[in-house]
Amino acid sequence: MTRKMTKQMLLSLAEEKRVFVISLMGAVASGNSFSLQRLEEVGSEICRKLVAGATEMIDLLNAEGGYRPTLRADLDPDATVLADIYDFLQARRGDPRRAYRG
């Protein structure tokens, strides 16, 4: 029972974070540069938690060799949030790469 509660709490926190990220994306799309900085900070925070070898969002965005991250929400609900941020920022940069959500 405790494990299910913990998983449910993680899912709830990830959903709250996702709503916040979506609102930041809307602000960035409207030209708010502060929101862009905050979006990158949130991405970096999750990146440090989930992606080996990448400590900042910019590391993930600028990865060489056509690399795109595999982000699995079944392993961590924050993976969906990071994938959303990655896809949004890559689209904004004109880069065709998108996260693999396997």
C-alpha atoms as a PDB file:
ATOM      1  CA  MET A   1       0.000   0.000   0.000  1.00  0.00           C
ATOM      2  CA  THR A   2       2.785   2.426   0.826  1.00  0.00           C
ATOM      3  CA  ARG A   3       4.449   1.793  -2.533  1.00  0.00           C
ATOM      4  CA  LYS A   4       1.200   2.579  -4.401  1.00  0.00           C
ATOM      5  CA  MET A   5       0.755   5.756  -2.390  1.00  0.00           C
ATOM      6  CA  THR A   6       4.293   6.805  -3.239  1.00  0.00           C
ATOM      7  CA  LYS A   7       3.767   6.104  -6.940  1.00  0.00           C
ATOM      8  CA  GLN A   8       0.469   8.015  -6.890  1.00  0.00           C
ATOM      9  CA  MET A   9       2.138  10.944  -5.167  1.00  0.00           C
ATOM     10  CA  LEU A  10       4.912  10.959  -7.790  1.00  0.00           C
ATOM     11  CA  LEU A  11       2.347  10.920 -10.575  1.00  0.00           C
ATOM     12  CA  SER A  12       0.486  13.808  -8.961  1.00  0.00           C
ATOM     13  CA  LEU A  13       3.655  15.882  -8.572  1.00  0.00           C
ATOM     14  CA  ALA A  14       4.676  15.171 -12.156  1.00  0.00           C
ATOM     15  CA  GLU A  15       1.246  16.248 -13.389  1.00  0.00           C
ATOM     16  CA  GLU A  16       1.478  19.502 -11.424  1.00  0.00           C
ATOM     17  CA  LYS A  17       4.930  20.102 -12.899  1.00  0.00           C
ATOM     18  CA  ARG A  18       3.579  19.353 -16.391  1.00  0.00           C
ATOM     19  CA  VAL A  19       0.789  21.926 -16.008  1.00  0.00           C
ATOM     20  CA  PHE A  20       3.383  24.489 -14.897  1.00  0.00           C
ATOM     21  CA  VAL A  21       5.596  23.651 -17.881  1.00  0.00           C
ATOM     22  CA  ILE A  22       2.680  23.987 -20.303  1.00  0.00           C
ATOM     23  CA  SER A  23       1.929  27.448 -18.905  1.00  0.00           C
ATOM     24  CA  LEU A  24       5.613  28.392 -19.339  1.00  0.00           C
ATOM     25  CA  MET A  25       5.480  27.182 -22.950  1.00  0.00           C
ATOM     26  CA  GLY A  26       2.522  29.441 -23.607  1.00  0.00           C
ATOM     27  CA  ALA A  27       4.370  32.405 -22.133  1.00  0.00           C
ATOM     28  CA  VAL A  28       7.489  31.621 -24.196  1.00  0.00           C
ATOM     29  CA  ALA A  29       5.373  31.394 -27.349  1.00  0.00           C
ATOM     30  CA  SER A  30       4.121  34.889 -26.506  1.00  0.00           C
ATOM     31  CA  GLY A  31       7.688  36.209 -26.318  1.00  0.00           C
ATOM     32  CA  ASN A  32       8.357  36.098 -22.579  1.00  0.00           C
ATOM     33  CA  SER A  33      12.125  35.550 -22.228  1.00  0.00           C
ATOM     34  CA  PHE A  34      11.961  35.064 -18.444  1.00  0.00           C
ATOM     35  CA  SER A  35       9.657  32.097 -18.989  1.00  0.00           C
ATOM     36  CA  LEU A  36      12.114  30.641 -21.514  1.00  0.00           C
ATOM     37  CA  GLN A  37      14.880  30.804 -18.912  1.00  0.00           C
ATOM     38  CA  ARG A  38      12.640  29.176 -16.293  1.00  0.00           C
ATOM     39  CA  LEU A  39      11.602  26.447 -18.750  1.00  0.00           C
ATOM     40  CA  GLU A  40      15.267  25.656 -19.423  1.00  0.00           C
ATOM     41  CA  GLU A  41      15.946  25.571 -15.661  1.00  0.00           C
ATOM     42  CA  VAL A  42      13.103  23.093 -15.070  1.00  0.00           C
ATOM     43  CA  GLY A  43      14.399  20.998 -17.965  1.00  0.00           C
ATOM     44  CA  SER A  44      17.918  21.022 -16.529  1.00  0.00           C
ATOM     45  CA  GLU A  45      16.643  19.985 -13.103  1.00  0.00           C
ATOM     46  CA  ILE A  46      14.855  16.965 -14.550  1.00  0.00           C
ATOM     47  CA  CYS A  47      17.735  16.270 -16.933  1.00  0.00           C
ATOM     48  CA  ARG A  48      20.177  15.917 -14.026  1.00  0.00           C
ATOM     49  CA  LYS A  49      17.815  13.427 -12.438  1.00  0.00           C
ATOM     50  CA  LEU A  50      17.067  11.279 -15.501  1.00  0.00           C
ATOM     51  CA  VAL A  51      19.748  11.561 -18.191  1.00  0.00           C
ATOM     52  CA  ALA A  52      23.207  10.101 -17.694  1.00  0.00           C
ATOM     53  CA  GLY A  53      25.939  12.439 -18.872  1.00  0.00           C
ATOM     54  CA  ALA A  54      23.703  15.474 -19.387  1.00  0.00           C
ATOM     55  CA  THR A  55      23.702  18.040 -16.616  1.00  0.00           C
ATOM     56  CA  GLU A  56      21.932  20.866 -18.410  1.00  0.00           C
ATOM     57  CA  MET A  57      19.065  21.039 -20.862  1.00  0.00           C
ATOM     58  CA  ILE A  58      21.377  22.616 -23.420  1.00  0.00           C
ATOM     59  CA  ASP A  59      23.538  19.437 -23.355  1.00  0.00           C
ATOM     60  CA  LEU A  60      20.535  17.420 -24.427  1.00  0.00           C
ATOM     61  CA  LEU A  61      19.484  19.922 -27.082  1.00  0.00           C
ATOM     62  CA  ASN A  62      22.967  20.152 -28.609  1.00  0.00           C
ATOM     63  CA  ALA A  63      23.833  16.435 -28.501  1.00  0.00           C
ATOM     64  CA  GLU A  64      25.899  15.386 -31.494  1.00  0.00           C
ATOM     65  CA  GLY A  65      25.271  12.688 -34.055  1.00  0.00           C
ATOM     66  CA  GLY A  66      21.527  13.135 -34.359  1.00  0.00           C
ATOM     67  CA  TYR A  67      21.037  11.862 -30.806  1.00  0.00           C
ATOM     68  CA  ARG A  68      17.589  12.182 -29.326  1.00  0.00           C
ATOM     69  CA  PRO A  69      16.778  11.036 -25.806  1.00  0.00           C
ATOM     70  CA  THR A  70      14.613   8.057 -24.926  1.00  0.00           C
ATOM     71  CA  LEU A  71      12.373   9.190 -22.085  1.00  0.00           C
ATOM     72  CA  ARG A  72      10.171   6.517 -20.529  1.00  0.00           C
ATOM     73  CA  ALA A  73       7.309   7.715 -18.362  1.00  0.00           C
ATOM     74  CA  ASP A  74       6.751   4.152 -17.144  1.00  0.00           C
ATOM     75  CA  LEU A  75      10.073   4.429 -15.298  1.00  0.00           C
ATOM     76  CA  ASP A  76       9.643   8.003 -14.039  1.00  0.00           C
ATOM     77  CA  PRO A  77       6.660  10.324 -14.587  1.00  0.00           C
ATOM     78  CA  ASP A  78       9.015  13.301 -14.950  1.00  0.00           C
ATOM     79  CA  ALA A  79      10.203  11.759 -18.224  1.00  0.00           C
ATOM     80  CA  THR A  80       7.024  13.003 -19.913  1.00  0.00           C
ATOM     81  CA  VAL A  81       7.656  16.515 -18.623  1.00  0.00           C
ATOM     82  CA  LEU A  82      11.252  16.454 -19.882  1.00  0.00           C
ATOM     83  CA  ALA A  83      10.133  15.075 -23.253  1.00  0.00           C
ATOM     84  CA  ASP A  84       7.595  17.901 -23.574  1.00  0.00           C
ATOM     85  CA  ILE A  85      10.240  20.513 -22.780  1.00  0.00           C
ATOM     86  CA  TYR A  86      12.769  18.925 -25.143  1.00  0.00           C
ATOM     87  CA  ASP A  87      10.283  18.733 -28.021  1.00  0.00           C
ATOM     88  CA  PHE A  88       9.118  22.311 -27.482  1.00  0.00           C
ATOM     89  CA  LEU A  89      12.626  23.762 -27.350  1.00  0.00           C
ATOM     90  CA  GLN A  90      13.817  21.763 -30.358  1.00  0.00           C
ATOM     91  CA  ALA A  91      10.811  22.905 -32.391  1.00  0.00           C
ATOM     92  CA  ARG A  92      11.506  26.489 -31.329  1.00  0.00           C
ATOM     93  CA  ARG A  93      15.107  26.127 -32.561  1.00  0.00           C
ATOM     94  CA  GLY A  94      13.984  24.602 -35.850  1.00  0.00           C
ATOM     95  CA  ASP A  95      15.588  21.249 -35.002  1.00  0.00           C
ATOM     96  CA  PRO A  96      13.537  18.266 -36.253  1.00  0.00           C
ATOM     97  CA  ARG A  97      14.625  15.935 -33.428  1.00  0.00           C
ATOM     98  CA  ARG A  98      12.008  14.922 -30.874  1.00  0.00           C
ATOM     99  CA  ALA A  99      12.299  12.765 -27.772  1.00  0.00           C
ATOM    100  CA  TYR A 100      11.557   9.088 -28.176  1.00  0.00           C
ATOM    101  CA  ARG A 101       8.808   8.239 -25.725  1.00  0.00           C
ATOM    102  CA  GLY A 102       9.313   4.466 -25.669  1.00  0.00           C
END
